[in-house]
C-alpha cells in the first residue's frame, strides 16, 4: 500500500512523537544514590546538660575565680546548675587541629554531658551570688521587665546578667582548658562563648583566640 504525501507526513509526526516520549521517559543512565551530606543533630546524638552530674570538680573553681579576678561593672550572679552549648557550625563550632586541642574537646564534652552544681566556692574579690533554679527564673523575669517596679525584683534591680558556667575540659597536662560562659539578660537576650584558658605563673588567664574556637562565640 502506497502512502500519499499527507500520509507520509502523518507517519513522520507519529515516529517523532514516539521518539520524544522515549527520550523523556526512559533514563539514559542508572539512577545514582545521592551522597549523604546531612549534619547529625548534636542535641540528639551527643546531648549536653543532662541532669544528675553532682558537684562540680574542685579544680574548676580556680579557673573561673582567676577569670573574674578583675571587677566587672555589675553584680556577679552565677546559676547554680552548669550549662553550656556547642553551636553547630559545620557540625560543631570547635575545630581541634592538634592532639592537645582534641584532648580538651573530648574532656569538655565529657565534663558537660551532665549538668553539675556550682557551690559558693569561688575566690572572687568583688563578691558574687550563686542562685538556684527558682531564683534564676525570677531574676530572668525581672530582667525582662528591666527597671519597672515589679514585686519581688527589688533585690535584683542592679543585676544585668545571669551567668551560666560550663565545666572546664582540661588537657592531660592540666595547663590548658576549654571553658564556657553564657550571659543571659532575660528571655531571648544574651551572649555566650567557648574559649581556651591557660595556666601561666600559677594562675589562669584567657588565651588568644585561634581557629580552634573562633566560631564559638554567639549572641541571641
N, C-alpha and C. Protein backbone atom coordinates (compact mmCIF):
# COMPACT_ATOMS: atom_id res chain seq x y z
N UNK A 1 0.86 -1.18 0.00
CA UNK A 1 0.00 0.00 0.00
C UNK A 1 0.89 1.22 0.00
N UNK A 2 0.60 2.08 -0.94
CA UNK A 2 1.37 3.29 -1.04
C UNK A 2 0.72 4.39 -0.21
N UNK A 3 1.60 5.22 0.46
CA UNK A 3 1.10 6.34 1.25
C UNK A 3 1.18 7.61 0.43
N UNK A 4 0.18 8.41 0.60
CA UNK A 4 0.18 9.71 -0.06
C UNK A 4 1.16 10.63 0.66
N UNK A 5 1.40 11.78 0.11
CA UNK A 5 2.29 12.74 0.75
C UNK A 5 1.80 13.12 2.13
N UNK A 6 0.49 13.26 2.27
CA UNK A 6 -0.07 13.60 3.58
C UNK A 6 0.11 12.44 4.56
N UNK A 7 -0.03 11.20 4.06
CA UNK A 7 0.14 10.03 4.91
C UNK A 7 1.55 9.92 5.44
N UNK A 8 2.56 10.14 4.54
CA UNK A 8 3.95 10.12 4.99
C UNK A 8 4.21 11.19 6.06
N UNK A 9 3.60 12.33 5.87
CA UNK A 9 3.80 13.42 6.82
C UNK A 9 3.26 13.04 8.20
N UNK A 10 2.07 12.40 8.21
CA UNK A 10 1.49 11.96 9.49
C UNK A 10 2.34 10.89 10.15
N UNK A 11 2.88 9.94 9.33
CA UNK A 11 3.72 8.87 9.87
C UNK A 11 4.98 9.45 10.51
N UNK A 12 5.56 10.44 9.83
CA UNK A 12 6.77 11.07 10.38
C UNK A 12 6.46 11.73 11.71
N UNK A 13 5.30 12.40 11.82
CA UNK A 13 4.92 13.05 13.08
C UNK A 13 4.75 12.05 14.20
N UNK A 14 4.14 10.88 13.87
CA UNK A 14 3.93 9.85 14.90
C UNK A 14 5.27 9.32 15.38
N UNK A 15 6.19 9.01 14.44
CA UNK A 15 7.50 8.49 14.82
C UNK A 15 8.26 9.50 15.68
N UNK A 16 8.18 10.78 15.30
CA UNK A 16 8.88 11.82 16.07
C UNK A 16 8.31 11.93 17.48
N UNK A 17 6.97 11.81 17.60
CA UNK A 17 6.35 11.90 18.92
C UNK A 17 6.76 10.75 19.81
N UNK A 18 6.80 9.52 19.22
CA UNK A 18 7.21 8.35 20.00
C UNK A 18 8.66 8.49 20.44
N UNK A 19 9.51 8.99 19.55
CA UNK A 19 10.92 9.17 19.90
C UNK A 19 11.09 10.18 21.02
N UNK A 20 10.30 11.26 20.97
CA UNK A 20 10.39 12.28 22.00
C UNK A 20 9.96 11.73 23.36
N UNK A 21 8.87 10.95 23.38
CA UNK A 21 8.41 10.34 24.62
C UNK A 21 9.46 9.37 25.16
N UNK A 22 10.11 8.63 24.28
CA UNK A 22 11.14 7.67 24.70
C UNK A 22 12.31 8.38 25.39
N UNK A 23 12.72 9.48 24.81
CA UNK A 23 13.84 10.23 25.38
C UNK A 23 13.49 10.79 26.74
N UNK A 24 12.25 11.25 26.88
CA UNK A 24 11.86 11.89 28.15
C UNK A 24 11.58 10.89 29.25
N UNK A 25 11.00 9.75 28.91
CA UNK A 25 10.53 8.82 29.93
C UNK A 25 11.54 7.77 30.31
N UNK A 26 12.46 7.42 29.45
CA UNK A 26 13.42 6.36 29.73
C UNK A 26 14.76 6.99 30.09
N UNK A 27 15.27 6.77 31.31
CA UNK A 27 16.56 7.36 31.68
C UNK A 27 17.70 6.77 30.88
N UNK A 28 18.66 7.62 30.53
CA UNK A 28 19.81 7.16 29.77
C UNK A 28 20.82 6.42 30.63
N UNK A 29 20.88 6.80 31.95
CA UNK A 29 21.87 6.20 32.86
C UNK A 29 21.14 5.70 34.10
N UNK A 30 21.65 4.69 34.78
CA UNK A 30 21.05 4.23 36.03
C UNK A 30 21.05 5.34 37.06
N UNK A 31 20.04 5.34 37.91
CA UNK A 31 19.94 6.36 38.97
C UNK A 31 21.09 6.20 39.95
N UNK A 32 21.64 7.35 40.33
CA UNK A 32 22.74 7.33 41.30
C UNK A 32 22.22 7.71 42.68
N UNK A 33 22.76 7.12 43.69
CA UNK A 33 22.39 7.44 45.06
C UNK A 33 23.04 8.75 45.46
N UNK A 34 22.25 9.62 46.05
CA UNK A 34 22.79 10.92 46.48
C UNK A 34 23.74 10.71 47.66
N UNK A 35 24.85 11.40 47.59
CA UNK A 35 25.83 11.28 48.68
C UNK A 35 25.26 11.89 49.95
N UNK A 36 25.43 11.20 51.08
CA UNK A 36 24.91 11.70 52.34
C UNK A 36 25.69 12.92 52.80
N UNK A 37 25.01 14.06 52.90
CA UNK A 37 25.69 15.29 53.30
C UNK A 37 25.03 15.95 54.51
N UNK A 38 24.06 15.26 55.11
CA UNK A 38 23.37 15.86 56.24
C UNK A 38 24.26 15.85 57.47
N UNK A 39 24.13 16.92 58.27
CA UNK A 39 24.91 17.05 59.50
C UNK A 39 24.10 16.49 60.66
N UNK A 40 24.63 15.55 61.42
CA UNK A 40 23.86 14.98 62.53
C UNK A 40 23.53 16.03 63.58
N UNK A 41 22.38 15.88 64.20
CA UNK A 41 21.93 16.81 65.24
C UNK A 41 22.64 16.45 66.54
N UNK A 42 23.53 17.34 67.00
CA UNK A 42 24.28 17.07 68.22
C UNK A 42 23.38 16.95 69.43
N UNK A 43 22.25 17.68 69.41
CA UNK A 43 21.33 17.61 70.53
C UNK A 43 20.74 16.21 70.67
N UNK A 44 20.70 15.46 69.56
CA UNK A 44 20.17 14.10 69.59
C UNK A 44 21.27 13.07 69.78
N UNK A 45 22.43 13.29 69.11
CA UNK A 45 23.49 12.29 69.16
C UNK A 45 24.41 12.46 70.37
N UNK A 46 24.61 13.70 70.81
CA UNK A 46 25.51 13.96 71.95
C UNK A 46 24.91 15.04 72.84
N UNK A 47 23.79 14.77 73.48
CA UNK A 47 23.14 15.81 74.31
C UNK A 47 23.99 16.23 75.48
N UNK A 48 23.93 17.51 75.81
CA UNK A 48 24.66 18.07 76.94
C UNK A 48 23.69 18.46 78.04
N UNK A 49 24.24 18.78 79.20
CA UNK A 49 23.47 19.34 80.32
C UNK A 49 22.35 18.43 80.82
N UNK A 50 22.56 17.14 80.73
CA UNK A 50 21.58 16.20 81.26
C UNK A 50 21.64 16.22 82.80
N UNK A 51 20.54 15.96 83.49
CA UNK A 51 20.56 16.03 84.96
C UNK A 51 21.39 14.92 85.59
N UNK A 52 21.78 15.16 86.84
CA UNK A 52 22.42 14.10 87.62
C UNK A 52 23.93 14.14 87.66
N UNK A 53 24.56 15.28 87.36
CA UNK A 53 26.01 15.32 87.31
C UNK A 53 26.69 15.46 88.67
N UNK A 54 25.94 15.86 89.70
CA UNK A 54 26.56 16.02 91.01
C UNK A 54 27.34 17.31 91.12
N UNK A 55 28.28 17.36 92.06
CA UNK A 55 29.03 18.59 92.33
C UNK A 55 30.08 18.84 91.26
N UNK A 56 30.36 20.10 91.02
CA UNK A 56 31.42 20.49 90.08
C UNK A 56 32.77 20.10 90.67
N UNK A 57 33.71 19.58 89.87
CA UNK A 57 35.04 19.24 90.39
C UNK A 57 35.73 20.47 91.00
N UNK A 58 36.50 20.25 92.03
CA UNK A 58 37.11 21.35 92.79
C UNK A 58 38.04 22.21 91.94
N UNK A 59 38.76 21.60 90.97
CA UNK A 59 39.72 22.37 90.20
C UNK A 59 39.06 23.37 89.24
N UNK A 60 37.74 23.26 89.04
CA UNK A 60 37.05 24.19 88.16
C UNK A 60 36.94 25.59 88.77
N UNK A 61 36.91 25.68 90.10
CA UNK A 61 36.72 26.97 90.76
C UNK A 61 37.92 27.88 90.56
N UNK A 62 39.13 27.31 90.54
CA UNK A 62 40.32 28.13 90.33
C UNK A 62 40.28 28.85 88.99
N UNK A 63 39.77 28.16 87.97
CA UNK A 63 39.74 28.73 86.62
C UNK A 63 38.86 29.98 86.59
N UNK A 64 37.62 29.84 87.04
CA UNK A 64 36.69 30.97 86.96
C UNK A 64 37.02 32.05 87.98
N UNK A 65 37.58 31.68 89.10
CA UNK A 65 38.00 32.69 90.08
C UNK A 65 39.04 33.62 89.46
N UNK A 66 39.97 33.03 88.69
CA UNK A 66 41.01 33.85 88.04
C UNK A 66 40.41 34.71 86.95
N UNK A 67 39.44 34.18 86.20
CA UNK A 67 38.84 34.94 85.10
C UNK A 67 38.04 36.14 85.61
N UNK A 68 37.50 36.03 86.82
CA UNK A 68 36.70 37.12 87.38
C UNK A 68 37.44 37.85 88.51
N UNK A 69 38.76 37.76 88.48
CA UNK A 69 39.55 38.47 89.49
C UNK A 69 39.40 39.98 89.34
N UNK A 70 39.42 40.45 88.10
CA UNK A 70 39.20 41.88 87.84
C UNK A 70 37.72 42.19 88.00
N UNK A 71 37.35 43.27 88.68
CA UNK A 71 35.94 43.57 88.91
C UNK A 71 35.20 43.93 87.62
N UNK A 72 33.93 43.60 87.56
CA UNK A 72 33.06 43.98 86.45
C UNK A 72 32.05 45.00 86.95
N UNK A 73 31.45 45.74 86.03
CA UNK A 73 30.60 46.87 86.41
C UNK A 73 29.15 46.45 86.66
N UNK A 74 28.96 45.35 87.36
CA UNK A 74 27.62 44.88 87.72
C UNK A 74 27.76 43.76 88.74
N UNK A 75 26.73 43.47 89.50
CA UNK A 75 26.82 42.35 90.43
C UNK A 75 27.03 41.03 89.68
N UNK A 76 27.88 40.18 90.21
CA UNK A 76 28.12 38.88 89.60
C UNK A 76 27.10 37.88 90.14
N UNK A 77 26.31 37.33 89.23
CA UNK A 77 25.31 36.33 89.59
C UNK A 77 25.53 35.10 88.74
N UNK A 78 25.79 33.96 89.39
CA UNK A 78 26.02 32.70 88.71
C UNK A 78 24.85 31.75 88.95
N UNK A 79 24.47 31.02 87.91
CA UNK A 79 23.46 29.98 88.07
C UNK A 79 24.09 28.77 88.75
N UNK A 80 23.36 28.17 89.65
CA UNK A 80 23.87 27.00 90.38
C UNK A 80 24.16 25.83 89.46
N UNK A 81 23.33 25.62 88.45
CA UNK A 81 23.49 24.49 87.54
C UNK A 81 24.39 24.87 86.37
N UNK A 82 25.36 24.03 86.08
CA UNK A 82 26.25 24.29 84.95
C UNK A 82 25.47 24.09 83.64
N UNK A 83 25.73 24.97 82.68
CA UNK A 83 25.08 24.91 81.38
C UNK A 83 26.09 25.33 80.32
N UNK A 84 26.12 24.60 79.21
CA UNK A 84 26.93 25.02 78.08
C UNK A 84 26.23 24.67 76.79
N UNK A 85 26.79 25.15 75.68
CA UNK A 85 26.25 24.85 74.37
C UNK A 85 27.41 24.83 73.38
N UNK A 86 27.35 23.92 72.41
CA UNK A 86 28.35 23.88 71.34
C UNK A 86 27.61 24.15 70.04
N UNK A 87 27.63 25.39 69.54
CA UNK A 87 26.89 25.71 68.32
C UNK A 87 27.30 24.81 67.16
N UNK A 88 26.30 24.40 66.34
CA UNK A 88 26.58 23.53 65.21
C UNK A 88 26.96 24.36 63.99
N UNK A 89 28.21 24.74 63.93
CA UNK A 89 28.75 25.43 62.76
C UNK A 89 29.52 24.37 61.96
N UNK A 90 28.88 23.86 60.91
CA UNK A 90 29.50 22.76 60.17
C UNK A 90 29.61 21.50 61.00
N UNK A 91 28.65 21.24 61.85
CA UNK A 91 28.66 20.07 62.72
C UNK A 91 29.03 20.43 64.14
N UNK A 92 30.07 21.25 64.32
CA UNK A 92 30.48 21.73 65.63
C UNK A 92 31.33 22.98 65.42
N UNK A 93 31.16 23.96 66.29
CA UNK A 93 31.97 25.18 66.17
C UNK A 93 33.42 24.94 66.55
N UNK A 94 33.69 23.87 67.30
CA UNK A 94 35.06 23.56 67.72
C UNK A 94 35.83 22.93 66.56
N UNK A 95 37.06 23.41 66.34
CA UNK A 95 37.89 22.91 65.25
C UNK A 95 39.25 22.45 65.80
N UNK A 96 39.28 21.35 66.54
CA UNK A 96 40.57 20.88 67.08
C UNK A 96 41.50 20.42 65.96
N UNK A 97 42.76 20.85 66.03
CA UNK A 97 43.72 20.51 65.00
C UNK A 97 44.98 19.85 65.55
N UNK A 98 45.16 19.90 66.87
CA UNK A 98 46.35 19.31 67.50
C UNK A 98 45.90 18.27 68.53
N UNK A 99 46.79 17.38 68.93
CA UNK A 99 46.42 16.41 69.98
C UNK A 99 45.94 17.09 71.25
N UNK A 100 46.55 18.19 71.62
CA UNK A 100 46.15 18.93 72.82
C UNK A 100 44.73 19.46 72.69
N UNK A 101 44.39 19.98 71.52
CA UNK A 101 43.04 20.51 71.30
C UNK A 101 42.00 19.39 71.26
N UNK A 102 42.37 18.25 70.70
CA UNK A 102 41.46 17.10 70.72
C UNK A 102 41.22 16.63 72.16
N UNK A 103 42.26 16.63 72.97
CA UNK A 103 42.11 16.25 74.38
C UNK A 103 41.12 17.17 75.09
N UNK A 104 41.27 18.48 74.89
CA UNK A 104 40.38 19.44 75.54
C UNK A 104 38.95 19.30 75.05
N UNK A 105 38.78 19.08 73.75
CA UNK A 105 37.44 18.91 73.19
C UNK A 105 36.74 17.70 73.80
N UNK A 106 37.43 16.57 73.83
CA UNK A 106 36.84 15.35 74.40
C UNK A 106 36.53 15.53 75.88
N UNK A 107 37.47 16.18 76.61
CA UNK A 107 37.27 16.38 78.05
C UNK A 107 36.11 17.34 78.31
N UNK A 108 35.99 18.38 77.48
CA UNK A 108 34.92 19.37 77.65
C UNK A 108 33.55 18.73 77.41
N UNK A 109 33.44 17.95 76.33
CA UNK A 109 32.16 17.29 76.05
C UNK A 109 31.80 16.30 77.14
N UNK A 110 32.79 15.54 77.62
CA UNK A 110 32.52 14.57 78.68
C UNK A 110 32.13 15.26 79.98
N UNK A 111 32.80 16.37 80.31
CA UNK A 111 32.52 17.07 81.57
C UNK A 111 31.14 17.70 81.58
N UNK A 112 30.63 18.05 80.39
CA UNK A 112 29.34 18.75 80.31
C UNK A 112 28.21 17.87 79.78
N UNK A 113 28.48 16.56 79.71
CA UNK A 113 27.42 15.65 79.30
C UNK A 113 26.25 15.75 80.27
N UNK A 114 26.58 15.95 81.55
CA UNK A 114 25.57 16.16 82.58
C UNK A 114 25.76 17.53 83.20
N UNK A 115 24.69 18.07 83.73
CA UNK A 115 24.76 19.36 84.42
C UNK A 115 25.21 19.12 85.86
N UNK A 116 26.18 19.92 86.29
CA UNK A 116 26.72 19.80 87.64
C UNK A 116 26.31 21.02 88.47
N UNK A 117 26.51 20.93 89.76
CA UNK A 117 26.08 22.00 90.68
C UNK A 117 27.28 22.81 91.16
N UNK A 118 27.21 24.12 90.91
CA UNK A 118 28.22 25.03 91.44
C UNK A 118 27.88 25.40 92.87
N UNK A 119 28.88 25.52 93.71
CA UNK A 119 28.73 25.94 95.09
C UNK A 119 29.41 27.30 95.27
N UNK A 120 29.12 28.02 96.34
CA UNK A 120 29.80 29.32 96.56
C UNK A 120 31.24 29.13 97.04
N UNK A 121 32.07 28.57 96.16
CA UNK A 121 33.46 28.27 96.49
C UNK A 121 34.44 29.07 95.65
N UNK A 122 33.95 30.08 94.92
CA UNK A 122 34.83 30.91 94.12
C UNK A 122 35.60 31.88 95.03
N UNK A 123 36.80 32.24 94.62
CA UNK A 123 37.58 33.26 95.32
C UNK A 123 37.58 34.51 94.43
N UNK A 124 36.52 35.30 94.53
CA UNK A 124 36.34 36.48 93.69
C UNK A 124 36.24 37.70 94.60
N UNK A 125 37.21 38.60 94.57
CA UNK A 125 37.22 39.75 95.48
C UNK A 125 35.97 40.62 95.40
N UNK A 126 35.40 40.74 94.23
CA UNK A 126 34.23 41.60 94.05
C UNK A 126 33.01 41.08 94.82
N UNK A 127 32.98 39.78 95.05
CA UNK A 127 31.79 39.16 95.63
C UNK A 127 30.87 38.66 94.54
N UNK A 128 29.96 37.78 94.89
CA UNK A 128 29.09 37.16 93.89
C UNK A 128 27.94 36.46 94.59
N UNK A 129 26.97 35.99 93.79
CA UNK A 129 25.89 35.15 94.28
C UNK A 129 25.78 33.91 93.40
N UNK A 130 25.47 32.79 94.02
CA UNK A 130 25.15 31.57 93.29
C UNK A 130 23.68 31.27 93.55
N UNK A 131 22.87 31.31 92.50
CA UNK A 131 21.43 31.20 92.65
C UNK A 131 20.91 29.85 92.15
N UNK A 132 19.94 29.31 92.88
CA UNK A 132 19.28 28.08 92.46
C UNK A 132 18.35 28.32 91.29
N UNK A 133 17.77 27.25 90.77
CA UNK A 133 16.95 27.35 89.56
C UNK A 133 15.77 28.30 89.73
N UNK A 134 15.07 28.22 90.86
CA UNK A 134 13.90 29.08 91.05
C UNK A 134 14.30 30.55 91.14
N UNK A 135 15.43 30.82 91.79
CA UNK A 135 15.91 32.19 91.88
C UNK A 135 16.37 32.71 90.52
N UNK A 136 17.03 31.85 89.75
CA UNK A 136 17.45 32.25 88.41
C UNK A 136 16.24 32.59 87.55
N UNK A 137 15.20 31.78 87.63
CA UNK A 137 13.98 32.06 86.85
C UNK A 137 13.38 33.40 87.24
N UNK A 138 13.42 33.72 88.54
CA UNK A 138 12.88 35.01 89.00
C UNK A 138 13.72 36.17 88.46
N UNK A 139 15.05 36.04 88.53
CA UNK A 139 15.92 37.10 88.02
C UNK A 139 15.69 37.30 86.52
N UNK A 140 15.54 36.21 85.78
CA UNK A 140 15.31 36.33 84.34
C UNK A 140 14.01 37.07 84.04
N UNK A 141 12.97 36.80 84.85
CA UNK A 141 11.71 37.55 84.68
C UNK A 141 11.92 39.02 84.99
N UNK A 142 12.70 39.31 86.02
CA UNK A 142 12.96 40.71 86.38
C UNK A 142 13.76 41.41 85.29
N UNK A 143 14.70 40.70 84.68
CA UNK A 143 15.49 41.29 83.61
C UNK A 143 14.64 41.63 82.39
N UNK A 144 13.60 40.84 82.16
CA UNK A 144 12.75 41.08 81.01
C UNK A 144 11.95 42.38 81.14
N UNK A 145 11.61 42.73 82.38
CA UNK A 145 10.82 43.96 82.58
C UNK A 145 11.72 45.15 82.87
N UNK A 146 13.04 44.94 82.87
CA UNK A 146 14.04 45.98 83.07
C UNK A 146 13.81 46.72 84.40
N UNK A 147 13.66 48.03 84.36
CA UNK A 147 13.60 48.82 85.59
C UNK A 147 12.17 49.12 86.06
N UNK A 148 11.22 48.38 85.56
CA UNK A 148 9.85 48.59 86.01
C UNK A 148 9.68 48.10 87.45
N UNK A 149 8.77 48.73 88.14
CA UNK A 149 8.50 48.36 89.53
C UNK A 149 7.67 47.08 89.56
N UNK A 150 8.34 45.97 89.78
CA UNK A 150 7.66 44.67 89.81
C UNK A 150 7.95 44.01 91.14
N UNK A 151 6.92 43.44 91.72
CA UNK A 151 7.06 42.78 93.02
C UNK A 151 8.10 41.66 92.96
N UNK A 152 8.99 41.62 93.95
CA UNK A 152 10.00 40.57 94.04
C UNK A 152 11.28 40.87 93.30
N UNK A 153 11.37 42.03 92.63
CA UNK A 153 12.56 42.35 91.83
C UNK A 153 13.49 43.35 92.50
N UNK A 154 13.11 43.84 93.68
CA UNK A 154 13.94 44.86 94.33
C UNK A 154 15.36 44.36 94.61
N UNK A 155 15.49 43.11 95.01
CA UNK A 155 16.80 42.57 95.36
C UNK A 155 17.72 42.40 94.15
N UNK A 156 17.13 42.41 92.94
CA UNK A 156 17.90 42.15 91.74
C UNK A 156 17.92 43.35 90.79
N UNK A 157 17.61 44.52 91.29
CA UNK A 157 17.46 45.67 90.41
C UNK A 157 18.76 46.04 89.70
N UNK A 158 19.90 45.78 90.33
CA UNK A 158 21.18 46.15 89.72
C UNK A 158 21.77 45.02 88.87
N UNK A 159 21.13 43.88 88.89
CA UNK A 159 21.64 42.73 88.13
C UNK A 159 21.34 42.94 86.65
N UNK A 160 22.33 42.71 85.80
CA UNK A 160 22.14 42.84 84.35
C UNK A 160 22.27 41.51 83.62
N UNK A 161 22.92 40.54 84.23
CA UNK A 161 23.08 39.23 83.59
C UNK A 161 23.08 38.12 84.63
N UNK A 162 22.60 36.96 84.22
CA UNK A 162 22.83 35.71 84.96
C UNK A 162 23.85 34.93 84.14
N UNK A 163 24.92 34.53 84.78
CA UNK A 163 25.98 33.82 84.07
C UNK A 163 25.86 32.32 84.31
N UNK A 164 25.79 31.57 83.20
CA UNK A 164 25.79 30.11 83.24
C UNK A 164 27.18 29.63 82.84
N UNK A 165 27.81 28.90 83.73
CA UNK A 165 29.19 28.45 83.50
C UNK A 165 29.22 26.97 83.11
N UNK A 166 30.04 26.66 82.12
CA UNK A 166 30.29 25.27 81.78
C UNK A 166 31.43 24.71 82.61
N UNK A 167 31.48 23.41 82.74
CA UNK A 167 32.58 22.76 83.47
C UNK A 167 33.80 22.72 82.55
N UNK A 168 34.96 23.15 83.01
CA UNK A 168 36.15 23.15 82.15
C UNK A 168 36.53 21.75 81.67
N UNK A 169 37.06 21.71 80.45
CA UNK A 169 37.63 20.48 79.91
C UNK A 169 39.13 20.63 79.80
N UNK A 170 39.88 19.97 80.68
CA UNK A 170 41.33 20.16 80.78
C UNK A 170 42.08 19.24 79.82
N UNK A 171 43.27 19.71 79.43
CA UNK A 171 44.17 18.83 78.70
C UNK A 171 44.88 17.90 79.69
N UNK A 172 45.67 16.98 79.16
CA UNK A 172 46.29 15.98 80.03
C UNK A 172 47.27 16.60 81.01
N UNK A 173 47.96 17.67 80.58
CA UNK A 173 48.94 18.32 81.46
C UNK A 173 48.29 19.23 82.49
N UNK A 174 47.00 19.47 82.32
CA UNK A 174 46.24 20.32 83.24
C UNK A 174 46.77 21.76 83.26
N UNK A 175 47.26 22.21 82.10
CA UNK A 175 47.73 23.59 81.99
C UNK A 175 46.90 24.40 80.99
N UNK A 176 46.01 23.74 80.28
CA UNK A 176 45.10 24.42 79.35
C UNK A 176 43.72 23.79 79.49
N UNK A 177 42.69 24.58 79.17
CA UNK A 177 41.33 24.05 79.31
C UNK A 177 40.38 24.82 78.42
N UNK A 178 39.30 24.15 78.04
CA UNK A 178 38.17 24.80 77.36
C UNK A 178 37.16 25.19 78.42
N UNK A 179 36.66 26.42 78.37
CA UNK A 179 35.63 26.86 79.29
C UNK A 179 34.51 27.52 78.51
N UNK A 180 33.39 27.70 79.17
CA UNK A 180 32.21 28.25 78.52
C UNK A 180 31.49 29.19 79.48
N UNK A 181 31.07 30.35 78.96
CA UNK A 181 30.28 31.30 79.74
C UNK A 181 29.11 31.76 78.87
N UNK A 182 27.90 31.65 79.42
CA UNK A 182 26.71 32.19 78.77
C UNK A 182 26.16 33.29 79.66
N UNK A 183 26.01 34.48 79.12
CA UNK A 183 25.47 35.62 79.87
C UNK A 183 24.05 35.87 79.39
N UNK A 184 23.10 35.58 80.26
CA UNK A 184 21.69 35.75 79.91
C UNK A 184 21.14 37.02 80.52
N UNK A 185 20.48 37.83 79.70
CA UNK A 185 19.90 39.08 80.20
C UNK A 185 18.38 39.06 80.11
N UNK A 186 17.78 37.86 80.16
CA UNK A 186 16.34 37.73 80.20
C UNK A 186 15.75 37.33 78.87
N UNK A 187 14.89 36.28 78.88
CA UNK A 187 14.25 35.85 77.65
C UNK A 187 15.26 35.46 76.60
N UNK A 188 15.03 35.91 75.35
CA UNK A 188 15.97 35.62 74.26
C UNK A 188 16.97 36.76 74.13
N UNK A 189 17.67 37.02 75.21
CA UNK A 189 18.66 38.09 75.25
C UNK A 189 19.91 37.55 75.91
N UNK A 190 21.05 37.73 75.26
CA UNK A 190 22.28 37.28 75.88
C UNK A 190 23.38 37.01 74.87
N UNK A 191 24.46 36.48 75.37
CA UNK A 191 25.62 36.14 74.55
C UNK A 191 26.36 35.00 75.22
N UNK A 192 27.25 34.40 74.49
CA UNK A 192 27.99 33.29 75.06
C UNK A 192 29.21 32.95 74.24
N UNK A 193 30.00 32.05 74.76
CA UNK A 193 31.19 31.66 74.03
C UNK A 193 31.95 30.54 74.71
N UNK A 194 32.70 29.80 73.91
CA UNK A 194 33.62 28.78 74.40
C UNK A 194 35.02 29.25 74.03
N UNK A 195 35.93 29.23 74.98
CA UNK A 195 37.27 29.72 74.70
C UNK A 195 38.29 28.94 75.52
N UNK A 196 39.54 29.15 75.18
CA UNK A 196 40.64 28.42 75.82
C UNK A 196 41.25 29.30 76.91
N UNK A 197 41.55 28.69 78.04
CA UNK A 197 42.33 29.35 79.08
C UNK A 197 43.61 28.56 79.29
N UNK A 198 44.65 29.23 79.77
CA UNK A 198 45.92 28.56 80.02
C UNK A 198 46.50 29.02 81.35
N UNK A 199 47.24 28.13 81.98
CA UNK A 199 47.83 28.44 83.27
C UNK A 199 49.23 28.98 83.07
N UNK A 200 49.46 30.17 83.58
CA UNK A 200 50.76 30.81 83.42
C UNK A 200 51.11 31.52 84.72
N UNK A 201 52.29 31.25 85.26
CA UNK A 201 52.69 31.88 86.51
C UNK A 201 51.81 31.49 87.68
N UNK A 202 51.25 30.29 87.62
CA UNK A 202 50.42 29.81 88.72
C UNK A 202 48.98 30.27 88.69
N UNK A 203 48.57 31.02 87.66
CA UNK A 203 47.18 31.48 87.59
C UNK A 203 46.64 31.27 86.18
N UNK A 204 45.34 31.23 86.08
CA UNK A 204 44.68 31.01 84.80
C UNK A 204 44.36 32.34 84.13
N UNK A 205 44.50 32.36 82.81
CA UNK A 205 44.12 33.54 82.04
C UNK A 205 43.59 33.08 80.69
N UNK A 206 42.86 33.96 80.06
CA UNK A 206 42.29 33.63 78.75
C UNK A 206 43.38 33.66 77.69
N UNK A 207 43.42 32.62 76.84
CA UNK A 207 44.41 32.54 75.77
C UNK A 207 43.90 33.29 74.55
N UNK A 208 44.81 33.58 73.64
CA UNK A 208 44.42 34.24 72.40
C UNK A 208 43.54 33.31 71.57
N UNK A 209 42.57 33.90 70.87
CA UNK A 209 41.65 33.12 70.06
C UNK A 209 42.34 32.61 68.80
N UNK A 210 42.12 31.33 68.50
CA UNK A 210 42.64 30.71 67.28
C UNK A 210 41.47 30.07 66.53
N UNK A 211 41.78 29.41 65.42
CA UNK A 211 40.73 28.75 64.65
C UNK A 211 40.02 27.66 65.46
N UNK A 212 40.67 27.20 66.50
CA UNK A 212 40.08 26.15 67.35
C UNK A 212 38.72 26.58 67.89
N UNK A 213 38.60 27.82 68.37
CA UNK A 213 37.34 28.27 68.98
C UNK A 213 36.80 29.54 68.31
N UNK A 214 37.34 29.92 67.16
CA UNK A 214 36.98 31.20 66.56
C UNK A 214 35.48 31.31 66.27
N UNK A 215 34.83 30.21 65.94
CA UNK A 215 33.40 30.23 65.60
C UNK A 215 32.49 29.96 66.79
N UNK A 216 33.05 29.95 68.00
CA UNK A 216 32.28 29.53 69.17
C UNK A 216 31.83 30.71 70.04
N UNK A 217 31.60 31.87 69.45
CA UNK A 217 31.02 33.00 70.17
C UNK A 217 29.70 33.35 69.49
N UNK A 218 28.71 33.72 70.29
CA UNK A 218 27.40 33.99 69.70
C UNK A 218 26.62 35.01 70.52
N UNK A 219 25.59 35.55 69.89
CA UNK A 219 24.63 36.45 70.56
C UNK A 219 23.24 35.99 70.17
N UNK A 220 22.28 36.22 71.07
CA UNK A 220 20.89 35.85 70.76
C UNK A 220 19.94 36.83 71.40
